[in-house]
Amino acid sequence: EAIDYISTSLMRRSYSPQPLRMFEVFEPKRR
């Protein structure tokens, strides 16, 4: 179902990315 949904959305040019989740990492440096 997931592959079918993604395929259809891309084919119709209606696919929209979801907001990114933000988090901190500290290696090799804080970012």
ModelCIF file with pLDDT and N, C-alpha, C, O atoms, coordinates in Angstrom:
data_MODEL
#
_entry.id   MODEL 
#
_entity.id                         1 
_entity.type                       polymer 
_entity.pdbx_number_of_molecules   1 
#
_entity_poly.entity_id                      1 
_entity_poly.type                           'polypeptide(L)' 
_entity_poly.nstd_linkage                   no 
_entity_poly.nstd_monomer                   no 
_entity_poly.pdbx_seq_one_letter_code       EAIDYISTSLMRRSYSPQPLRMFEVFEPKRR 
_entity_poly.pdbx_seq_one_letter_code_can   EAIDYISTSLMRRSYSPQPLRMFEVFEPKRR 
_entity_poly.pdbx_strand_id                 A 
#
loop_
_entity_poly_seq.entity_id 
_entity_poly_seq.num 
_entity_poly_seq.mon_id 
_entity_poly_seq.hetero 
1 1  GLU n 
1 2  ALA n 
1 3  ILE n 
1 4  ASP n 
1 5  TYR n 
1 6  ILE n 
1 7  SER n 
1 8  THR n 
1 9  SER n 
1 10 LEU n 
1 11 MET n 
1 12 ARG n 
1 13 ARG n 
1 14 SER n 
1 15 TYR n 
1 16 SER n 
1 17 PRO n 
1 18 GLN n 
1 19 PRO n 
1 20 LEU n 
1 21 ARG n 
1 22 MET n 
1 23 PHE n 
1 24 GLU n 
1 25 VAL n 
1 26 PHE n 
1 27 GLU n 
1 28 PRO n 
1 29 LYS n 
1 30 ARG n 
1 31 ARG n 
#
_struct_asym.id          A 
_struct_asym.entity_id   1 
#
loop_
_ma_qa_metric.id 
_ma_qa_metric.mode 
_ma_qa_metric.name 
_ma_qa_metric.software_group_id 
_ma_qa_metric.type 
1 global pLDDT . pLDDT 
2 local  pLDDT . pLDDT 
#
_ma_qa_metric_global.metric_id      1 
_ma_qa_metric_global.metric_value   86.23 
_ma_qa_metric_global.model_id       1 
_ma_qa_metric_global.ordinal_id     1 
#
loop_
_ma_qa_metric_local.label_asym_id 
_ma_qa_metric_local.label_comp_id 
_ma_qa_metric_local.label_seq_id 
_ma_qa_metric_local.metric_id 
_ma_qa_metric_local.metric_value 
_ma_qa_metric_local.model_id 
_ma_qa_metric_local.ordinal_id 
A GLU 1  2 96.00 1 1  
A ALA 2  2 96.00 1 2  
A ILE 3  2 97.00 1 3  
A ASP 4  2 97.00 1 4  
A TYR 5  2 97.00 1 5  
A ILE 6  2 97.00 1 6  
A SER 7  2 97.00 1 7  
A THR 8  2 97.00 1 8  
A SER 9  2 97.00 1 9  
A LEU 10 2 97.00 1 10 
A MET 11 2 97.00 1 11 
A ARG 12 2 97.00 1 12 
A ARG 13 2 96.00 1 13 
A SER 14 2 96.00 1 14 
A TYR 15 2 97.00 1 15 
A SER 16 2 96.00 1 16 
A PRO 17 2 96.00 1 17 
A GLN 18 2 95.00 1 18 
A PRO 19 2 94.00 1 19 
A LEU 20 2 93.00 1 20 
A ARG 21 2 90.00 1 21 
A MET 22 2 84.00 1 22 
A PHE 23 2 75.00 1 23 
A GLU 24 2 71.00 1 24 
A VAL 25 2 65.00 1 25 
A PHE 26 2 57.00 1 26 
A GLU 27 2 58.00 1 27 
A PRO 28 2 56.00 1 28 
A LYS 29 2 59.00 1 29 
A ARG 30 2 65.00 1 30 
A ARG 31 2 68.00 1 31 
#
loop_
_atom_site.group_PDB 
_atom_site.id 
_atom_site.type_symbol 
_atom_site.label_atom_id 
_atom_site.label_alt_id 
_atom_site.label_comp_id 
_atom_site.label_asym_id 
_atom_site.label_entity_id 
_atom_site.label_seq_id 
_atom_site.pdbx_PDB_ins_code 
_atom_site.Cartn_x 
_atom_site.Cartn_y 
_atom_site.Cartn_z 
_atom_site.occupancy 
_atom_site.B_iso_or_equiv 
_atom_site.pdbx_formal_charge 
_atom_site.auth_seq_id 
_atom_site.auth_comp_id 
_atom_site.auth_asym_id 
_atom_site.auth_atom_id 
_atom_site.pdbx_PDB_model_num 
ATOM 1   N N  . GLU A 1 1  ? 0.826  -1.209 0.000   1.00 96.00 ? 1  GLU A N  1 
ATOM 2   C CA . GLU A 1 1  ? 0.000  0.000  0.000   1.00 96.00 ? 1  GLU A CA 1 
ATOM 3   C C  . GLU A 1 1  ? 0.864  1.264  0.000   1.00 96.00 ? 1  GLU A C  1 
ATOM 4   O O  . GLU A 1 1  ? 0.544  2.243  -0.675  1.00 96.00 ? 1  GLU A O  1 
ATOM 5   N N  . ALA A 1 2  ? 1.966  1.234  0.766   1.00 96.00 ? 2  ALA A N  1 
ATOM 6   C CA . ALA A 1 2  ? 2.849  2.406  0.842   1.00 96.00 ? 2  ALA A CA 1 
ATOM 7   C C  . ALA A 1 2  ? 3.497  2.693  -0.509  1.00 96.00 ? 2  ALA A C  1 
ATOM 8   O O  . ALA A 1 2  ? 3.536  3.840  -0.954  1.00 96.00 ? 2  ALA A O  1 
ATOM 9   N N  . ILE A 1 3  ? 4.003  1.647  -1.159  1.00 97.00 ? 3  ILE A N  1 
ATOM 10  C CA . ILE A 1 3  ? 4.638  1.830  -2.468  1.00 97.00 ? 3  ILE A CA 1 
ATOM 11  C C  . ILE A 1 3  ? 3.622  2.329  -3.491  1.00 97.00 ? 3  ILE A C  1 
ATOM 12  O O  . ILE A 1 3  ? 3.929  3.195  -4.310  1.00 97.00 ? 3  ILE A O  1 
ATOM 13  N N  . ASP A 1 4  ? 2.416  1.780  -3.439  1.00 97.00 ? 4  ASP A N  1 
ATOM 14  C CA . ASP A 1 4  ? 1.372  2.203  -4.381  1.00 97.00 ? 4  ASP A CA 1 
ATOM 15  C C  . ASP A 1 4  ? 1.012  3.669  -4.171  1.00 97.00 ? 4  ASP A C  1 
ATOM 16  O O  . ASP A 1 4  ? 0.839  4.415  -5.135  1.00 97.00 ? 4  ASP A O  1 
ATOM 17  N N  . TYR A 1 5  ? 0.899  4.081  -2.904  1.00 97.00 ? 5  TYR A N  1 
ATOM 18  C CA . TYR A 1 5  ? 0.567  5.478  -2.603  1.00 97.00 ? 5  TYR A CA 1 
ATOM 19  C C  . TYR A 1 5  ? 1.658  6.430  -3.107  1.00 97.00 ? 5  TYR A C  1 
ATOM 20  O O  . TYR A 1 5  ? 1.365  7.445  -3.739  1.00 97.00 ? 5  TYR A O  1 
ATOM 21  N N  . ILE A 1 6  ? 2.924  6.087  -2.816  1.00 97.00 ? 6  ILE A N  1 
ATOM 22  C CA . ILE A 1 6  ? 4.037  6.938  -3.243  1.00 97.00 ? 6  ILE A CA 1 
ATOM 23  C C  . ILE A 1 6  ? 4.102  7.012  -4.768  1.00 97.00 ? 6  ILE A C  1 
ATOM 24  O O  . ILE A 1 6  ? 4.288  8.089  -5.334  1.00 97.00 ? 6  ILE A O  1 
ATOM 25  N N  . SER A 1 7  ? 3.949  5.861  -5.429  1.00 97.00 ? 7  SER A N  1 
ATOM 26  C CA . SER A 1 7  ? 4.005  5.815  -6.892  1.00 97.00 ? 7  SER A CA 1 
ATOM 27  C C  . SER A 1 7  ? 2.922  6.695  -7.515  1.00 97.00 ? 7  SER A C  1 
ATOM 28  O O  . SER A 1 7  ? 3.184  7.462  -8.441  1.00 97.00 ? 7  SER A O  1 
ATOM 29  N N  . THR A 1 8  ? 1.704  6.572  -6.994  1.00 97.00 ? 8  THR A N  1 
ATOM 30  C CA . THR A 1 8  ? 0.588  7.357  -7.530  1.00 97.00 ? 8  THR A CA 1 
ATOM 31  C C  . THR A 1 8  ? 0.799  8.850  -7.303  1.00 97.00 ? 8  THR A C  1 
ATOM 32  O O  . THR A 1 8  ? 0.551  9.657  -8.198  1.00 97.00 ? 8  THR A O  1 
ATOM 33  N N  . SER A 1 9  ? 1.253  9.216  -6.111  1.00 97.00 ? 9  SER A N  1 
ATOM 34  C CA . SER A 1 9  ? 1.492  10.634 -5.795  1.00 97.00 ? 9  SER A CA 1 
ATOM 35  C C  . SER A 1 9  ? 2.568  11.232 -6.695  1.00 97.00 ? 9  SER A C  1 
ATOM 36  O O  . SER A 1 9  ? 2.421  12.349 -7.190  1.00 97.00 ? 9  SER A O  1 
ATOM 37  N N  . LEU A 1 10 ? 3.652  10.481 -6.904  1.00 97.00 ? 10 LEU A N  1 
ATOM 38  C CA . LEU A 1 10 ? 4.717  10.975 -7.777  1.00 97.00 ? 10 LEU A CA 1 
ATOM 39  C C  . LEU A 1 10 ? 4.227  11.085 -9.223  1.00 97.00 ? 10 LEU A C  1 
ATOM 40  O O  . LEU A 1 10 ? 4.528  12.058 -9.914  1.00 97.00 ? 10 LEU A O  1 
ATOM 41  N N  . MET A 1 11 ? 3.478  10.089 -9.670  1.00 97.00 ? 11 MET A N  1 
ATOM 42  C CA . MET A 1 11 ? 2.993  10.084 -11.047 1.00 97.00 ? 11 MET A CA 1 
ATOM 43  C C  . MET A 1 11 ? 2.067  11.283 -11.300 1.00 97.00 ? 11 MET A C  1 
ATOM 44  O O  . MET A 1 11 ? 2.099  11.878 -12.377 1.00 97.00 ? 11 MET A O  1 
ATOM 45  N N  . ARG A 1 12 ? 1.247  11.629 -10.306 1.00 97.00 ? 12 ARG A N  1 
ATOM 46  C CA . ARG A 1 12 ? 0.320  12.764 -10.442 1.00 97.00 ? 12 ARG A CA 1 
ATOM 47  C C  . ARG A 1 12 ? 0.981  14.105 -10.144 1.00 97.00 ? 12 ARG A C  1 
ATOM 48  O O  . ARG A 1 12 ? 0.339  15.150 -10.244 1.00 97.00 ? 12 ARG A O  1 
ATOM 49  N N  . ARG A 1 13 ? 2.274  14.081 -9.776  1.00 96.00 ? 13 ARG A N  1 
ATOM 50  C CA . ARG A 1 13 ? 3.018  15.301 -9.425  1.00 96.00 ? 13 ARG A CA 1 
ATOM 51  C C  . ARG A 1 13 ? 2.410  15.987 -8.208  1.00 96.00 ? 13 ARG A C  1 
ATOM 52  O O  . ARG A 1 13 ? 2.540  17.202 -8.056  1.00 96.00 ? 13 ARG A O  1 
ATOM 53  N N  . SER A 1 14 ? 1.749  15.227 -7.341  1.00 96.00 ? 14 SER A N  1 
ATOM 54  C CA . SER A 1 14 ? 1.110  15.805 -6.158  1.00 96.00 ? 14 SER A CA 1 
ATOM 55  C C  . SER A 1 14 ? 1.875  15.502 -4.877  1.00 96.00 ? 14 SER A C  1 
ATOM 56  O O  . SER A 1 14 ? 1.446  15.890 -3.790  1.00 96.00 ? 14 SER A O  1 
ATOM 57  N N  . TYR A 1 15 ? 3.000  14.815 -4.998  1.00 97.00 ? 15 TYR A N  1 
ATOM 58  C CA . TYR A 1 15 ? 3.746  14.425 -3.796  1.00 97.00 ? 15 TYR A CA 1 
ATOM 59  C C  . TYR A 1 15 ? 4.359  15.650 -3.119  1.00 97.00 ? 15 TYR A C  1 
ATOM 60  O O  . TYR A 1 15 ? 4.963  16.496 -3.778  1.00 97.00 ? 15 TYR A O  1 
ATOM 61  N N  . SER A 1 16 ? 4.200  15.736 -1.810  1.00 96.00 ? 16 SER A N  1 
ATOM 62  C CA . SER A 1 16 ? 4.792  16.829 -1.028  1.00 96.00 ? 16 SER A CA 1 
ATOM 63  C C  . SER A 1 16 ? 5.568  16.248 0.138   1.00 96.00 ? 16 SER A C  1 
ATOM 64  O O  . SER A 1 16 ? 5.020  15.449 0.897   1.00 96.00 ? 16 SER A O  1 
ATOM 65  N N  . PRO A 1 17 ? 6.824  16.624 0.302   1.00 96.00 ? 17 PRO A N  1 
ATOM 66  C CA . PRO A 1 17 ? 7.612  16.136 1.439   1.00 96.00 ? 17 PRO A CA 1 
ATOM 67  C C  . PRO A 1 17 ? 7.001  16.578 2.765   1.00 96.00 ? 17 PRO A C  1 
ATOM 68  O O  . PRO A 1 17 ? 6.366  17.629 2.853   1.00 96.00 ? 17 PRO A O  1 
ATOM 69  N N  . GLN A 1 18 ? 7.203  15.763 3.785   1.00 95.00 ? 18 GLN A N  1 
ATOM 70  C CA . GLN A 1 18 ? 6.730  16.092 5.121   1.00 95.00 ? 18 GLN A CA 1 
ATOM 71  C C  . GLN A 1 18 ? 7.783  16.929 5.851   1.00 95.00 ? 18 GLN A C  1 
ATOM 72  O O  . GLN A 1 18 ? 8.963  16.865 5.505   1.00 95.00 ? 18 GLN A O  1 
ATOM 73  N N  . PRO A 1 19 ? 7.378  17.708 6.851   1.00 94.00 ? 19 PRO A N  1 
ATOM 74  C CA . PRO A 1 19 ? 8.352  18.521 7.597   1.00 94.00 ? 19 PRO A CA 1 
ATOM 75  C C  . PRO A 1 19 ? 9.458  17.652 8.195   1.00 94.00 ? 19 PRO A C  1 
ATOM 76  O O  . PRO A 1 19 ? 9.227  16.503 8.572   1.00 94.00 ? 19 PRO A O  1 
ATOM 77  N N  . LEU A 1 20 ? 10.643 18.213 8.274   1.00 93.00 ? 20 LEU A N  1 
ATOM 78  C CA . LEU A 1 20 ? 11.790 17.491 8.827   1.00 93.00 ? 20 LEU A CA 1 
ATOM 79  C C  . LEU A 1 20 ? 11.746 17.505 10.354  1.00 93.00 ? 20 LEU A C  1 
ATOM 80  O O  . LEU A 1 20 ? 11.291 18.471 10.966  1.00 93.00 ? 20 LEU A O  1 
ATOM 81  N N  . ARG A 1 21 ? 12.224 16.422 10.953  1.00 90.00 ? 21 ARG A N  1 
ATOM 82  C CA . ARG A 1 21 ? 12.365 16.370 12.413  1.00 90.00 ? 21 ARG A CA 1 
ATOM 83  C C  . ARG A 1 21 ? 13.766 16.859 12.774  1.00 90.00 ? 21 ARG A C  1 
ATOM 84  O O  . ARG A 1 21 ? 14.756 16.390 12.213  1.00 90.00 ? 21 ARG A O  1 
ATOM 85  N N  . MET A 1 22 ? 13.842 17.783 13.693  1.00 84.00 ? 22 MET A N  1 
ATOM 86  C CA . MET A 1 22 ? 15.120 18.373 14.080  1.00 84.00 ? 22 MET A CA 1 
ATOM 87  C C  . MET A 1 22 ? 15.655 17.714 15.349  1.00 84.00 ? 22 MET A C  1 
ATOM 88  O O  . MET A 1 22 ? 14.907 17.486 16.299  1.00 84.00 ? 22 MET A O  1 
ATOM 89  N N  . PHE A 1 23 ? 16.955 17.409 15.359  1.00 75.00 ? 23 PHE A N  1 
ATOM 90  C CA . PHE A 1 23 ? 17.595 16.945 16.590  1.00 75.00 ? 23 PHE A CA 1 
ATOM 91  C C  . PHE A 1 23 ? 19.077 17.284 16.551  1.00 75.00 ? 23 PHE A C  1 
ATOM 92  O O  . PHE A 1 23 ? 19.644 17.537 15.488  1.00 75.00 ? 23 PHE A O  1 
ATOM 93  N N  . GLU A 1 24 ? 19.691 17.286 17.723  1.00 71.00 ? 24 GLU A N  1 
ATOM 94  C CA . GLU A 1 24 ? 21.105 17.641 17.844  1.00 71.00 ? 24 GLU A CA 1 
ATOM 95  C C  . GLU A 1 24 ? 21.980 16.396 17.867  1.00 71.00 ? 24 GLU A C  1 
ATOM 96  O O  . GLU A 1 24 ? 21.605 15.379 18.449  1.00 71.00 ? 24 GLU A O  1 
ATOM 97  N N  . VAL A 1 25 ? 23.146 16.477 17.231  1.00 65.00 ? 25 VAL A N  1 
ATOM 98  C CA . VAL A 1 25 ? 24.187 15.466 17.399  1.00 65.00 ? 25 VAL A CA 1 
ATOM 99  C C  . VAL A 1 25 ? 25.441 16.197 17.878  1.00 65.00 ? 25 VAL A C  1 
ATOM 100 O O  . VAL A 1 25 ? 25.612 17.396 17.655  1.00 65.00 ? 25 VAL A O  1 
ATOM 101 N N  . PHE A 1 26 ? 26.303 15.443 18.538  1.00 57.00 ? 26 PHE A N  1 
ATOM 102 C CA . PHE A 1 26 ? 27.476 16.079 19.141  1.00 57.00 ? 26 PHE A CA 1 
ATOM 103 C C  . PHE A 1 26 ? 28.783 15.500 18.629  1.00 57.00 ? 26 PHE A C  1 
ATOM 104 O O  . PHE A 1 26 ? 29.848 15.853 19.134  1.00 57.00 ? 26 PHE A O  1 
ATOM 105 N N  . GLU A 1 27 ? 28.727 14.605 17.621  1.00 58.00 ? 27 GLU A N  1 
ATOM 106 C CA . GLU A 1 27 ? 29.932 14.036 17.062  1.00 58.00 ? 27 GLU A CA 1 
ATOM 107 C C  . GLU A 1 27 ? 29.855 14.081 15.543  1.00 58.00 ? 27 GLU A C  1 
ATOM 108 O O  . GLU A 1 27 ? 28.809 13.770 14.973  1.00 58.00 ? 27 GLU A O  1 
ATOM 109 N N  . PRO A 1 28 ? 30.934 14.460 14.879  1.00 56.00 ? 28 PRO A N  1 
ATOM 110 C CA . PRO A 1 28 ? 32.214 14.862 15.480  1.00 56.00 ? 28 PRO A CA 1 
ATOM 111 C C  . PRO A 1 28 ? 32.162 16.225 16.164  1.00 56.00 ? 28 PRO A C  1 
ATOM 112 O O  . PRO A 1 28 ? 33.093 16.592 16.881  1.00 56.00 ? 28 PRO A O  1 
ATOM 113 N N  . LYS A 1 29 ? 31.064 16.989 15.948  1.00 59.00 ? 29 LYS A N  1 
ATOM 114 C CA . LYS A 1 29 ? 30.910 18.278 16.621  1.00 59.00 ? 29 LYS A CA 1 
ATOM 115 C C  . LYS A 1 29 ? 29.422 18.557 16.751  1.00 59.00 ? 29 LYS A C  1 
ATOM 116 O O  . LYS A 1 29 ? 28.603 17.902 16.107  1.00 59.00 ? 29 LYS A O  1 
ATOM 117 N N  . ARG A 1 30 ? 29.074 19.526 17.581  1.00 65.00 ? 30 ARG A N  1 
ATOM 118 C CA . ARG A 1 30 ? 27.663 19.844 17.792  1.00 65.00 ? 30 ARG A CA 1 
ATOM 119 C C  . ARG A 1 30 ? 27.070 20.428 16.519  1.00 65.00 ? 30 ARG A C  1 
ATOM 120 O O  . ARG A 1 30 ? 27.620 21.363 15.938  1.00 65.00 ? 30 ARG A O  1 
ATOM 121 N N  . ARG A 1 31 ? 25.924 19.857 16.085  1.00 68.00 ? 31 ARG A N  1 
ATOM 122 C CA . ARG A 1 31 ? 25.231 20.382 14.915  1.00 68.00 ? 31 ARG A CA 1 
ATOM 123 C C  . ARG A 1 31 ? 23.784 19.925 14.947  1.00 68.00 ? 31 ARG A C  1 
ATOM 124 O O  . ARG A 1 31 ? 23.012 20.255 14.048  1.00 68.00 ? 31 ARG A O  1 
#
